[in-house]
Structure formats: structure tokens, C-alpha cells
Amino acid sequence: MVLELLEDIEKIKNQDGKSIMLPASDKNIQSIKKWTSKNVRENLWIKEYENLLKKVDGLEFNGLVIYNAQPNDKNNGFIGANEIWRDREWDNNYLFFGDSSISWYCMDIDKDVFLELDKPSGDVIQEYNGFEEMINEALKSVL
């Protein structure tokens, strides 16, 4: 389902002469995996996120941002965004994968559950059965 939604977004972006289907480099994926093990929890990695990055290195579309694997991107990069969002005490148990103007898309690392949080209150809006379900809903919300 994620791939179909990405293809729908790709068709829209192609109308403007742009493409979203540019994969992250293996080097950048390894960098964010190392950062996650060092700064969040050892051996914590979401294979579905890696699979997404191998198709599209982040996404900015209709207000939705899915973080990319570029280690030096302080705004929309996975590392940069997590360094910002995890800086406060209330949200340091979350690993963030994306955001919109009203939501954060993340994983509660203590409960191993994927969530949509209200921005800025941090209240849980929706709980998901996995990463792919969370990203599906995020993508559908902007199409």
C-alpha cells in the first residue's frame, strides 16, 4: 500500500517536472542506524523505515514531512529532527519519523508502539499496529 501511495504522489510531482523516487544511499542509512543505536537504544532499528528509505529518501508533500537519511539535514533529516524533538523530557522516549503541521509520527520506544501525536501538546491521536500502517495513514491524509 505504501508503494502505491508513493506512486500516486510521484505522478503528482511529475506534473511539475519533479520526482520523489530517489533512494537514500546505503552510507546514509548506515549513519542513521548507528546514530539510533548510540543515542536512542542499542540495536533499535525499524526495517520498514529502511525499506522506505531505499525507495524514497524522505518526502515533503502537502505539509507532510517524512524524514530523510541525510545526516547533515538539520530540518528534515532523521538525525536532525530527532535531535530537536527528543531534546525535551516529555518526548525523549519517542523516535520520530515524520511530522505535519498538526502531527508527529513516531514510535514509543518504551512500549514498542507506533503513534501519531498531536503537535504541540504531545497527546496521542492514534496508535498503529506497525510502521507501515502509520506511514500509510500519514500518506493518505495528504492525498
Protein backbone atom coordinates (compact mmCIF):
# COMPACT_ATOMS: atom_id res chain seq x y z
CA MET A 1 0.00 0.00 0.00
CA VAL A 2 2.82 2.46 0.84
CA LEU A 3 4.37 1.95 -2.59
CA GLU A 4 1.03 2.62 -4.31
CA LEU A 5 0.57 5.85 -2.34
CA LEU A 6 4.13 6.93 -3.16
CA GLU A 7 3.44 6.24 -6.83
CA ASP A 8 0.33 8.47 -6.61
CA ILE A 9 2.45 11.26 -5.12
CA GLU A 10 5.12 10.64 -7.77
CA LYS A 11 2.53 11.19 -10.53
CA ILE A 12 1.52 14.50 -8.98
CA LYS A 13 5.15 15.62 -8.57
CA ASN A 14 5.96 14.56 -12.17
CA GLN A 15 3.42 17.12 -13.39
CA ASP A 16 5.81 19.77 -12.01
CA GLY A 17 8.84 18.02 -13.52
CA LYS A 18 9.95 16.66 -10.13
CA SER A 19 10.44 13.19 -8.67
CA ILE A 20 10.29 11.79 -5.15
CA MET A 21 11.59 8.34 -6.09
CA LEU A 22 15.23 8.96 -5.23
CA PRO A 23 16.58 6.35 -2.80
CA ALA A 24 18.78 7.06 0.20
CA SER A 25 22.37 5.90 -0.04
CA ASP A 26 23.42 2.83 1.94
CA LYS A 27 26.06 5.01 3.62
CA ASN A 28 23.42 7.46 4.89
CA ILE A 29 21.14 4.65 6.07
CA GLN A 30 24.07 3.16 8.00
CA SER A 31 24.78 6.57 9.55
CA ILE A 32 21.28 6.93 10.94
CA LYS A 33 21.25 3.31 12.13
CA LYS A 34 24.48 3.99 14.09
CA TRP A 35 23.07 7.25 15.47
CA THR A 36 19.92 5.43 16.62
CA SER A 37 21.93 2.70 18.40
CA LYS A 38 24.17 5.25 20.07
CA ASN A 39 21.60 7.90 21.03
CA VAL A 40 18.28 6.11 21.43
CA ARG A 41 18.60 2.40 22.11
CA GLU A 42 21.17 -0.14 21.04
CA ASN A 43 20.09 -2.32 18.11
CA LEU A 44 16.84 -0.42 17.70
CA TRP A 45 16.09 -0.21 14.01
CA ILE A 46 12.89 -0.29 12.02
CA LYS A 47 13.42 -2.39 8.90
CA GLU A 48 10.24 -0.98 7.29
CA TYR A 49 11.69 2.52 7.59
CA GLU A 50 14.88 1.33 5.92
CA ASN A 51 12.82 -0.24 3.13
CA LEU A 52 11.01 3.08 2.65
CA LEU A 53 14.31 4.97 2.52
CA LYS A 54 15.52 2.59 -0.19
CA LYS A 55 12.58 3.74 -2.31
CA VAL A 56 12.42 7.42 -1.37
CA ASP A 57 14.91 9.42 0.70
CA GLY A 58 12.34 11.35 2.70
CA LEU A 59 9.31 13.20 1.47
CA GLU A 60 7.88 16.70 1.62
CA PHE A 61 4.35 16.81 0.24
CA ASN A 62 1.26 18.87 1.13
CA GLY A 63 2.61 19.65 4.60
CA LEU A 64 3.75 16.10 5.42
CA VAL A 65 7.45 15.51 6.00
CA ILE A 66 8.88 12.02 6.26
CA TYR A 67 12.44 12.39 7.45
CA ASN A 68 15.27 11.61 5.08
CA ALA A 69 18.53 9.76 5.72
CA GLN A 70 20.81 12.72 5.04
CA PRO A 71 22.85 13.03 8.26
CA ASN A 72 23.57 16.76 7.86
CA ASP A 73 19.98 17.87 7.16
CA LYS A 74 19.09 19.70 10.40
CA ASN A 75 15.42 20.29 9.45
CA ASN A 76 14.05 17.28 7.59
CA GLY A 77 16.73 14.70 8.26
CA PHE A 78 16.04 11.82 10.64
CA ILE A 79 19.00 12.66 12.88
CA GLY A 80 18.45 16.43 12.91
CA ALA A 81 14.73 16.14 13.59
CA ASN A 82 15.23 13.62 16.39
CA GLU A 83 17.91 15.79 17.98
CA ILE A 84 15.37 18.63 18.07
CA TRP A 85 12.22 16.71 19.07
CA ARG A 86 13.90 14.38 21.60
CA ASP A 87 15.51 17.32 23.42
CA ARG A 88 12.65 17.77 25.88
CA GLU A 89 11.98 15.44 28.78
CA TRP A 90 8.40 14.55 27.81
CA ASP A 91 9.32 13.33 24.34
CA ASN A 92 12.69 11.62 24.78
CA ASN A 93 11.05 8.19 24.79
CA TYR A 94 9.89 8.72 21.19
CA LEU A 95 11.71 8.08 17.93
CA PHE A 96 10.37 10.45 15.26
CA PHE A 97 9.94 9.50 11.60
CA GLY A 98 7.97 12.46 10.30
CA ASP A 99 5.64 15.33 11.04
CA SER A 100 3.00 17.60 9.61
CA SER A 101 1.63 20.94 10.69
CA ILE A 102 -0.59 19.19 13.26
CA SER A 103 1.04 15.80 13.97
CA TRP A 104 4.21 13.90 14.76
CA TYR A 105 4.63 10.31 13.51
CA CYS A 106 6.77 8.33 15.89
CA MET A 107 7.49 5.19 17.86
CA ASP A 108 7.17 4.98 21.63
CA ILE A 109 10.44 3.14 22.29
CA ASP A 110 9.37 2.08 25.78
CA LYS A 111 6.17 0.39 24.55
CA ASP A 112 7.34 -0.54 21.02
CA VAL A 113 4.23 1.03 19.52
CA PHE A 114 3.81 3.47 16.63
CA LEU A 115 1.85 6.65 17.24
CA GLU A 116 0.50 9.83 15.77
CA LEU A 117 0.91 12.59 18.34
CA ASP A 118 -0.82 15.96 18.44
CA LYS A 119 1.50 18.83 17.77
CA PRO A 120 2.34 20.64 20.05
CA SER A 121 0.57 19.01 23.04
CA GLY A 122 2.10 15.57 22.51
CA ASP A 123 -1.23 13.84 23.18
CA VAL A 124 -1.75 10.51 21.42
CA ILE A 125 -4.12 10.89 18.47
CA GLN A 126 -3.80 7.39 17.02
CA GLU A 127 -1.97 4.15 17.79
CA TYR A 128 -0.89 1.91 14.90
CA ASN A 129 -0.08 -1.78 14.58
CA GLY A 130 3.22 -1.04 12.86
CA PHE A 131 5.38 1.42 10.97
CA GLU A 132 3.81 0.66 7.60
CA GLU A 133 0.26 1.26 8.86
CA MET A 134 1.37 4.59 10.38
CA ILE A 135 3.02 5.75 7.15
CA ASN A 136 0.02 4.58 5.08
CA GLU A 137 -2.30 6.75 7.15
CA ALA A 138 0.08 9.71 7.03
CA LEU A 139 0.33 9.48 3.23
CA LYS A 140 -3.42 9.05 2.79
CA SER A 141 -4.01 12.16 4.89
CA VAL A 142 -2.24 14.36 2.32
CA LEU A 143 -3.59 12.83 -0.90
